[in-house]
Amino acid sequence: MLPAPKHLRAFHAICKEGSMKRAGDVLRRSRSSVSHAIDELESEIGFSLFERNAHGMLLTEFGNILYRRVDFAFQEMAVARRSLETLHANQMLSPNAPIFSLAVSQQRINIFLAFAQLRHMSAAARELGVSQPAVSMALRDLEQSIGVPLYEQVAGTFRFTRSGDILLNHLKRALVQLRLARVEMNRVKGQFEGSIAVGALPFGGASILPPAISRLLASYPQLKISTHEGSFDTLVAGLWCGDLDLVVGALQPLEQHAGLVSERLFDDPIVVVARADHPLAQQRNVTLEDVVKAGWVLPAGGTPTREALFSALQQKGVNCPKVSVESSDASTIRGLLLESNLISAGARRLFHHDLQSGALVRLADDYPIAQRSIGILTRTQAHSSPLAQLLMDEIRLIAQSVS
């Protein structure tokens, strides 16, 4: 169970002030109210957070873990508040709204997150097992407490405003810290439990991610791992806000993504391939000019493979090929290669098994095209999951064996 957000302000105040009385003075709450909040918090998470003595309250090992993560979470919500203040400089934003100190119930947070995902009040209500009026009231109260609109209805559908997106993304990042606190506390007890969400870029991590997951589960079978496929921009956005723990695949520049770091594992050459009995496979000395005249199946424009291929061809003064089919699905590309005269290009490891078996062959092999750097994207250390680090260690080992 995650720490109840509504009790974290009292916990944080005690950590900073050193006693319940001083924390109560800062929060304008009675000592008994603060004490009750801490009792409930310790009961919920199952650990003692403080050692009480005549000189005040000292953090236990578990308390130190939680304080560090709660402090990060509050910093994240402070960034959200400042961003909204900048956006609404001349409007009635309430900087002391409870959400900015996570002083709201878990149900209110769950309603906001479910509505953000489903964009429909009745769907959010069904998802959480509450009434639609309860969802509507929770969202209205949240908006009114902050003082700015978080969503709007256009043509019968809801969409978030810029303010709603800012609050949502920073709230997710804050909640990640609470999940990490639980993971770190469990590790102190020798328990490795939890989930890892991995973003898998098309093709790039196909040769390293499955064996890495298999090795990790062999050591920690209680872990739950999910993979999520998507474009680079989609997965990076999910990584930044905390929906994902890491992304594996072809690296791209991260100038616009502060708070994320990349690690190159190896370079993978892009090769042109066709079925073994393709007409071009029967020719000798096939050139790039020959292969671009064929029909192609490639990922959509803007994807790393296609951009690298077209850029390399243009640098060599060769026209870009006609793309007959656009697909990023590896099984679709493979099927079209084996059943038609279409050819394709991609990372060598993507076609490794079919090249080894002889079902596919490389074309224009005397004309190197380009290389893609395959690697890992993750958040900075303060925001990174210890469980994700375990998977990254396995990915590094697999990468060393295939590079």
Protein backbone atom coordinates (compact mmCIF):
# COMPACT_ATOMS: atom_id res chain seq x y z
CA MET A 1 0.00 0.00 0.00
CA LEU A 2 1.23 3.49 -0.84
CA PRO A 3 1.48 6.16 1.87
CA ALA A 4 -1.79 8.09 2.21
CA PRO A 5 -1.12 11.49 0.60
CA LYS A 6 -3.30 13.38 3.06
CA HIS A 7 -0.95 12.49 5.96
CA LEU A 8 2.29 13.40 4.22
CA ARG A 9 2.18 17.09 5.07
CA ALA A 10 2.14 16.29 8.79
CA PHE A 11 4.96 13.77 8.35
CA HIS A 12 7.05 16.26 6.36
CA ALA A 13 6.50 19.01 8.93
CA ILE A 14 7.67 16.79 11.80
CA CYS A 15 10.79 15.85 9.83
CA LYS A 16 11.63 19.52 9.34
CA GLU A 17 10.63 20.80 12.79
CA GLY A 18 11.77 17.86 14.94
CA SER A 19 8.67 17.55 17.11
CA MET A 20 4.92 17.14 16.84
CA LYS A 21 4.24 20.35 18.74
CA ARG A 22 6.36 22.52 16.45
CA ALA A 23 4.92 20.74 13.41
CA GLY A 24 1.42 21.43 14.72
CA ASP A 25 2.27 25.11 15.18
CA VAL A 26 3.48 25.36 11.58
CA LEU A 27 0.43 23.53 10.23
CA ARG A 28 -1.97 25.27 12.64
CA ARG A 29 -3.17 21.90 13.85
CA SER A 30 -3.33 20.42 17.34
CA ARG A 31 -0.62 18.08 18.54
CA SER A 32 -3.17 15.29 18.85
CA SER A 33 -4.25 15.80 15.24
CA VAL A 34 -0.66 15.56 14.02
CA SER A 35 -0.05 12.51 16.22
CA HIS A 36 -3.15 10.81 14.83
CA ALA A 37 -1.97 11.44 11.26
CA ILE A 38 1.39 9.81 11.98
CA ASP A 39 -0.23 6.84 13.71
CA GLU A 40 -2.43 6.26 10.67
CA LEU A 41 0.49 6.68 8.29
CA GLU A 42 2.65 4.16 10.17
CA SER A 43 -0.26 1.74 10.33
CA GLU A 44 -0.88 2.02 6.59
CA ILE A 45 2.71 1.43 5.49
CA GLY A 46 3.57 -1.10 8.21
CA PHE A 47 6.81 0.54 9.41
CA SER A 48 7.79 2.77 12.33
CA LEU A 49 8.89 6.12 10.96
CA PHE A 50 10.12 7.79 14.15
CA GLU A 51 11.95 7.00 17.36
CA ARG A 52 10.38 9.06 20.13
CA ASN A 53 12.58 10.36 22.97
CA ALA A 54 12.81 13.28 25.36
CA HIS A 55 14.66 15.39 22.82
CA GLY A 56 12.11 15.01 20.04
CA MET A 57 11.47 12.61 17.21
CA LEU A 58 14.25 10.95 15.23
CA LEU A 59 13.69 9.32 11.87
CA THR A 60 14.13 5.57 11.60
CA GLU A 61 15.74 4.04 8.51
CA PHE A 62 12.28 3.69 6.99
CA GLY A 63 11.43 7.24 7.99
CA ASN A 64 14.52 8.57 6.23
CA ILE A 65 13.54 6.73 3.06
CA LEU A 66 10.03 8.14 3.14
CA TYR A 67 11.20 11.67 4.00
CA ARG A 68 13.58 11.77 1.04
CA ARG A 69 10.87 10.65 -1.36
CA VAL A 70 8.16 12.87 0.12
CA ASP A 71 10.51 15.85 -0.14
CA PHE A 72 11.02 15.09 -3.85
CA ALA A 73 7.25 14.76 -4.28
CA PHE A 74 6.62 18.12 -2.63
CA GLN A 75 9.32 19.71 -4.79
CA GLU A 76 7.52 18.35 -7.85
CA MET A 77 4.21 19.83 -6.77
CA ALA A 78 5.96 23.14 -6.06
CA VAL A 79 7.15 23.14 -9.68
CA ALA A 80 3.54 22.53 -10.75
CA ARG A 81 2.37 25.47 -8.65
CA ARG A 82 5.05 27.81 -10.00
CA SER A 83 4.30 26.74 -13.58
CA LEU A 84 0.61 27.49 -13.10
CA GLU A 85 1.42 30.82 -11.45
CA THR A 86 3.50 31.75 -14.50
CA LEU A 87 0.74 30.63 -16.85
CA HIS A 88 -1.97 32.51 -14.94
CA ALA A 89 -0.07 35.59 -13.80
CA ASN A 90 -3.16 37.80 -13.81
CA GLN A 91 -5.75 35.27 -12.72
CA MET A 92 -7.02 33.92 -9.42
CA LEU A 93 -4.78 30.91 -8.95
CA SER A 94 -4.78 29.69 -5.35
CA PRO A 95 -1.16 28.81 -4.45
CA ASN A 96 -2.28 27.18 -1.18
CA ALA A 97 -4.65 24.69 -2.80
CA PRO A 98 -4.47 21.34 -0.94
CA ILE A 99 -3.36 19.45 -4.05
CA PHE A 100 -0.02 21.31 -4.05
CA SER A 101 0.88 19.63 -0.75
CA LEU A 102 -0.90 16.38 -1.69
CA ALA A 103 -3.31 17.10 1.19
CA VAL A 104 -6.21 15.40 -0.56
CA SER A 105 -7.68 11.92 -0.27
CA GLN A 106 -6.38 9.04 -2.33
CA GLN A 107 -9.83 8.68 -3.88
CA ARG A 108 -9.74 12.28 -5.14
CA ILE A 109 -6.37 11.62 -6.74
CA ASN A 110 -7.59 8.36 -8.26
CA ILE A 111 -10.62 10.12 -9.74
CA PHE A 112 -8.44 12.80 -11.32
CA LEU A 113 -6.06 10.22 -12.78
CA ALA A 114 -8.86 7.99 -14.09
CA PHE A 115 -10.62 10.94 -15.70
CA ALA A 116 -7.33 12.04 -17.26
CA GLN A 117 -6.86 8.60 -18.78
CA LEU A 118 -10.43 7.92 -19.91
CA ARG A 119 -11.59 11.51 -20.60
CA HIS A 120 -15.14 10.58 -19.65
CA MET A 121 -16.78 10.97 -16.24
CA SER A 122 -19.02 7.92 -16.46
CA ALA A 123 -16.10 5.76 -17.63
CA ALA A 124 -13.98 7.01 -14.73
CA ALA A 125 -16.84 6.25 -12.33
CA ARG A 126 -17.17 2.68 -13.64
CA GLU A 127 -13.41 2.19 -13.47
CA LEU A 128 -13.30 3.18 -9.80
CA GLY A 129 -16.67 1.79 -8.71
CA VAL A 130 -18.07 5.17 -7.64
CA SER A 131 -21.02 7.23 -8.83
CA GLN A 132 -20.74 9.70 -11.68
CA PRO A 133 -21.88 12.57 -9.41
CA ALA A 134 -18.98 11.70 -7.08
CA VAL A 135 -16.55 12.02 -9.99
CA SER A 136 -18.11 15.29 -11.12
CA MET A 137 -18.00 16.73 -7.60
CA ALA A 138 -14.38 15.69 -7.02
CA LEU A 139 -13.23 17.29 -10.27
CA ARG A 140 -15.25 20.44 -9.62
CA ASP A 141 -13.85 20.76 -6.10
CA LEU A 142 -10.31 20.33 -7.43
CA GLU A 143 -10.81 23.05 -10.03
CA GLN A 144 -12.40 25.43 -7.54
CA SER A 145 -9.65 24.89 -4.98
CA ILE A 146 -6.95 25.74 -7.54
CA GLY A 147 -8.93 28.54 -9.16
CA VAL A 148 -8.22 27.75 -12.83
CA PRO A 149 -9.98 25.46 -15.35
CA LEU A 150 -8.34 22.06 -15.72
CA TYR A 151 -10.48 20.64 -18.52
CA GLU A 152 -13.07 21.69 -21.07
CA GLN A 153 -15.78 20.03 -23.10
CA VAL A 154 -15.55 20.33 -26.87
CA ALA A 155 -18.00 18.65 -29.24
CA GLY A 156 -19.19 16.31 -26.52
CA THR A 157 -15.74 15.16 -25.41
CA PHE A 158 -13.51 16.31 -22.57
CA ARG A 159 -9.97 17.49 -23.05
CA PHE A 160 -7.47 18.89 -20.60
CA THR A 161 -6.44 22.51 -20.69
CA ARG A 162 -2.79 23.48 -20.55
CA SER A 163 -3.25 23.92 -16.79
CA GLY A 164 -4.75 20.45 -16.50
CA ASP A 165 -1.82 18.90 -18.36
CA ILE A 166 0.70 20.70 -16.14
CA LEU A 167 -1.00 19.54 -12.96
CA LEU A 168 -1.46 15.99 -14.26
CA ASN A 169 2.15 15.48 -15.34
CA HIS A 170 3.69 16.85 -12.15
CA LEU A 171 1.20 14.98 -9.98
CA LYS A 172 2.20 11.74 -11.70
CA ARG A 173 5.87 12.51 -11.08
CA ALA A 174 5.12 13.20 -7.42
CA LEU A 175 3.22 9.93 -7.05
CA VAL A 176 6.16 8.06 -8.58
CA GLN A 177 8.18 9.16 -5.55
CA LEU A 178 5.67 7.56 -3.19
CA ARG A 179 5.82 4.30 -5.14
CA LEU A 180 9.61 4.41 -5.02
CA ALA A 181 9.46 4.92 -1.26
CA ARG A 182 7.51 1.68 -0.92
CA VAL A 183 9.96 -0.19 -3.18
CA GLU A 184 12.96 1.06 -1.18
CA MET A 185 11.37 0.16 2.14
CA ASN A 186 10.65 -3.34 0.88
CA ARG A 187 14.26 -3.68 -0.28
CA VAL A 188 15.47 -2.91 3.25
CA LYS A 189 13.42 -5.91 4.36
CA GLY A 190 14.91 -8.04 1.59
CA GLN A 191 11.73 -8.02 -0.48
CA PHE A 192 11.87 -7.31 -4.21
CA GLU A 193 8.25 -6.73 -5.13
CA GLY A 194 6.57 -4.33 -7.49
CA SER A 195 6.17 -3.58 -11.15
CA ILE A 196 8.34 -2.31 -13.99
CA ALA A 197 6.85 -0.55 -17.01
CA VAL A 198 9.13 -0.66 -20.05
CA GLY A 199 8.74 1.42 -23.19
CA ALA A 200 9.86 -0.59 -26.21
CA LEU A 201 10.68 1.43 -29.31
CA PRO A 202 9.88 -0.30 -32.61
CA PHE A 203 12.58 -2.81 -33.52
CA GLY A 204 15.39 -1.27 -31.49
CA GLY A 205 15.27 -3.45 -28.38
CA ALA A 206 13.97 -6.65 -29.95
CA SER A 207 17.23 -8.55 -29.51
CA ILE A 208 17.95 -7.52 -25.92
CA LEU A 209 14.70 -6.86 -24.07
CA PRO A 210 13.10 -10.36 -24.10
CA PRO A 211 16.19 -12.21 -22.79
CA ALA A 212 16.81 -9.49 -20.20
CA ILE A 213 13.24 -9.79 -18.90
CA SER A 214 13.55 -13.58 -18.84
CA ARG A 215 16.78 -13.43 -16.81
CA LEU A 216 15.33 -10.92 -14.34
CA LEU A 217 12.18 -12.96 -13.72
CA ALA A 218 14.31 -16.06 -13.15
CA SER A 219 15.93 -14.23 -10.22
CA TYR A 220 12.88 -12.25 -9.05
CA PRO A 221 9.73 -14.16 -10.07
CA GLN A 222 7.51 -11.95 -7.91
CA LEU A 223 8.10 -8.91 -10.14
CA LYS A 224 5.49 -7.82 -12.67
CA ILE A 225 6.81 -6.42 -15.95
CA SER A 226 4.77 -4.75 -18.68
CA THR A 227 5.96 -3.52 -22.08
CA HIS A 228 4.44 -0.61 -23.95
CA GLU A 229 5.09 0.05 -27.63
CA GLY A 230 4.90 3.47 -29.26
CA SER A 231 6.75 6.26 -31.02
CA PHE A 232 9.82 7.89 -29.50
CA ASP A 233 7.92 11.05 -28.50
CA THR A 234 5.04 9.09 -26.95
CA LEU A 235 7.28 6.82 -24.90
CA VAL A 236 9.57 9.64 -23.78
CA ALA A 237 6.55 11.62 -22.57
CA GLY A 238 5.40 8.56 -20.62
CA LEU A 239 8.87 8.13 -19.15
CA TRP A 240 9.11 11.75 -18.05
CA CYS A 241 5.78 11.79 -16.20
CA GLY A 242 6.30 8.39 -14.57
CA ASP A 243 3.99 6.15 -16.59
CA LEU A 244 7.11 4.25 -17.71
CA ASP A 245 10.27 3.34 -15.80
CA LEU A 246 12.63 3.06 -18.77
CA VAL A 247 12.63 3.03 -22.56
CA VAL A 248 14.74 0.67 -24.69
CA GLY A 249 15.55 1.13 -28.37
CA ALA A 250 17.10 3.47 -30.89
CA LEU A 251 18.35 6.63 -29.20
CA GLN A 252 17.51 10.15 -30.32
CA PRO A 253 18.64 13.55 -29.00
CA LEU A 254 17.15 14.53 -25.63
CA GLU A 255 17.68 18.29 -25.71
CA GLN A 256 13.98 18.96 -25.12
CA HIS A 257 13.62 16.43 -22.31
CA ALA A 258 15.25 17.73 -19.13
CA GLY A 259 15.36 15.17 -16.35
CA LEU A 260 16.00 12.22 -18.65
CA VAL A 261 19.30 10.51 -19.38
CA SER A 262 20.39 8.16 -22.15
CA GLU A 263 22.92 5.35 -22.16
CA ARG A 264 24.27 3.94 -25.41
CA LEU A 265 24.66 0.16 -25.41
CA PHE A 266 25.87 -0.56 -28.95
CA ASP A 267 25.58 0.59 -32.55
CA ASP A 268 23.43 -1.47 -34.90
CA PRO A 269 23.94 -1.11 -38.68
CA ILE A 270 20.94 -0.62 -40.93
CA VAL A 271 20.81 -3.24 -43.69
CA VAL A 272 18.66 -3.67 -46.81
CA VAL A 273 16.96 -7.08 -46.97
CA ALA A 274 14.77 -9.15 -49.30
CA ARG A 275 13.64 -12.76 -49.54
CA ALA A 276 16.26 -15.22 -50.73
CA ASP A 277 14.67 -15.73 -54.17
CA HIS A 278 13.93 -12.05 -54.80
CA PRO A 279 14.98 -10.96 -58.33
CA LEU A 280 17.54 -8.53 -56.89
CA ALA A 281 19.03 -11.35 -54.82
CA GLN A 282 19.87 -13.17 -58.05
CA GLN A 283 21.84 -10.22 -59.46
CA ARG A 284 25.53 -9.62 -58.91
CA ASN A 285 26.94 -6.31 -57.72
CA VAL A 286 23.60 -4.83 -56.66
CA THR A 287 23.93 -1.08 -56.04
CA LEU A 288 21.91 1.38 -54.00
CA GLU A 289 20.51 2.73 -57.27
CA ASP A 290 19.17 -0.76 -57.98
CA VAL A 291 17.47 -1.26 -54.64
CA VAL A 292 15.73 2.13 -54.52
CA LYS A 293 13.86 1.22 -57.72
CA ALA A 294 12.09 -1.66 -55.97
CA GLY A 295 8.91 -1.46 -53.91
CA TRP A 296 9.57 -1.01 -50.20
CA VAL A 297 7.91 -1.67 -46.86
CA LEU A 298 9.17 0.75 -44.20
CA PRO A 299 8.07 2.37 -40.95
CA ALA A 300 6.23 5.68 -41.28
CA GLY A 301 8.02 8.93 -42.01
CA GLY A 302 9.73 10.47 -39.01
CA THR A 303 10.69 7.13 -37.45
CA PRO A 304 14.41 6.64 -36.69
CA THR A 305 14.98 3.85 -39.23
CA ARG A 306 13.36 5.67 -42.12
CA GLU A 307 14.98 8.99 -41.28
CA ALA A 308 18.43 7.38 -41.04
CA LEU A 309 17.93 5.49 -44.32
CA PHE A 310 16.68 8.48 -46.32
CA SER A 311 19.33 10.79 -44.88
CA ALA A 312 22.11 8.35 -45.80
CA LEU A 313 20.76 7.89 -49.33
CA GLN A 314 20.53 11.63 -49.87
CA GLN A 315 24.10 12.10 -48.66
CA LYS A 316 25.20 9.51 -51.22
CA GLY A 317 23.26 11.29 -53.97
CA VAL A 318 20.74 8.46 -54.34
CA ASN A 319 17.01 9.07 -54.70
CA CYS A 320 14.77 7.89 -51.88
CA PRO A 321 12.76 4.74 -52.66
CA LYS A 322 9.06 4.42 -53.31
CA VAL A 323 7.39 3.19 -50.12
CA SER A 324 4.50 0.93 -51.07
CA VAL A 325 3.58 -0.12 -47.53
CA GLU A 326 4.13 1.73 -44.25
CA SER A 327 4.29 -0.46 -41.15
CA SER A 328 6.17 -0.60 -37.87
CA ASP A 329 4.93 -4.09 -37.06
CA ALA A 330 7.81 -6.54 -37.30
CA SER A 331 5.59 -9.53 -38.14
CA THR A 332 3.84 -7.61 -40.93
CA ILE A 333 7.15 -6.51 -42.44
CA ARG A 334 8.51 -10.05 -42.24
CA GLY A 335 5.41 -11.50 -43.88
CA LEU A 336 5.53 -9.01 -46.74
CA LEU A 337 9.23 -9.65 -47.31
CA LEU A 338 8.71 -13.40 -47.53
CA GLU A 339 5.53 -13.29 -49.62
CA SER A 340 6.17 -10.45 -52.08
CA ASN A 341 8.81 -8.58 -54.05
CA LEU A 342 8.91 -5.80 -51.49
CA ILE A 343 12.22 -5.09 -49.77
CA SER A 344 12.95 -3.31 -46.52
CA ALA A 345 15.68 -1.86 -44.34
CA GLY A 346 16.19 -2.01 -40.63
CA ALA A 347 18.56 -2.83 -37.82
CA ARG A 348 20.56 -5.95 -38.60
CA ARG A 349 19.50 -7.63 -35.37
CA LEU A 350 15.84 -7.23 -36.31
CA PHE A 351 16.37 -9.70 -39.17
CA HIS A 352 19.01 -11.81 -37.41
CA HIS A 353 17.15 -15.15 -37.32
CA ASP A 354 15.85 -14.96 -40.91
CA LEU A 355 19.28 -13.95 -42.20
CA GLN A 356 20.86 -16.86 -40.35
CA SER A 357 18.31 -19.33 -41.69
CA GLY A 358 18.69 -18.02 -45.24
CA ALA A 359 15.05 -16.95 -45.58
CA LEU A 360 16.24 -13.37 -46.07
CA VAL A 361 19.41 -11.99 -47.65
CA ARG A 362 21.16 -8.64 -47.51
CA LEU A 363 21.26 -6.46 -50.62
CA ALA A 364 23.82 -3.83 -51.68
CA ASP A 365 26.06 -5.06 -48.88
CA ASP A 366 29.06 -3.24 -50.31
CA TYR A 367 27.38 0.10 -49.61
CA PRO A 368 27.15 0.76 -45.85
CA ILE A 369 24.08 2.88 -45.16
CA ALA A 370 23.92 4.03 -41.57
CA GLN A 371 24.08 2.94 -37.96
CA ARG A 372 21.67 3.49 -35.11
CA SER A 373 22.70 3.71 -31.49
CA ILE A 374 20.67 1.30 -29.37
CA GLY A 375 20.38 2.12 -25.70
CA ILE A 376 18.35 2.89 -22.60
CA LEU A 377 16.47 6.02 -21.59
CA THR A 378 15.56 6.60 -17.97
CA ARG A 379 14.88 9.36 -15.50
CA THR A 380 17.67 10.91 -13.46
CA GLN A 381 18.81 8.95 -10.42
CA ALA A 382 16.57 10.77 -7.96
CA HIS A 383 13.49 9.79 -9.95
CA SER A 384 14.61 6.34 -11.11
CA SER A 385 13.12 3.06 -9.90
CA PRO A 386 15.43 0.60 -8.08
CA LEU A 387 13.51 -2.23 -9.76
CA ALA A 388 14.15 -0.66 -13.16
CA GLN A 389 17.84 -0.60 -12.29
CA LEU A 390 17.73 -4.39 -11.89
CA LEU A 391 16.30 -4.77 -15.39
CA MET A 392 18.81 -2.29 -16.78
CA ASP A 393 21.65 -4.37 -15.33
CA GLU A 394 20.33 -7.42 -17.20
CA ILE A 395 19.93 -5.40 -20.40
CA ARG A 396 23.56 -4.26 -20.16
CA LEU A 397 24.75 -7.85 -19.79
CA ILE A 398 22.73 -8.99 -22.80
CA ALA A 399 23.95 -6.01 -24.83
CA GLN A 400 27.58 -6.91 -24.09
CA SER A 401 27.02 -10.41 -25.44
CA VAL A 402 25.39 -9.28 -28.70
CA SER A 403 27.43 -6.17 -29.50
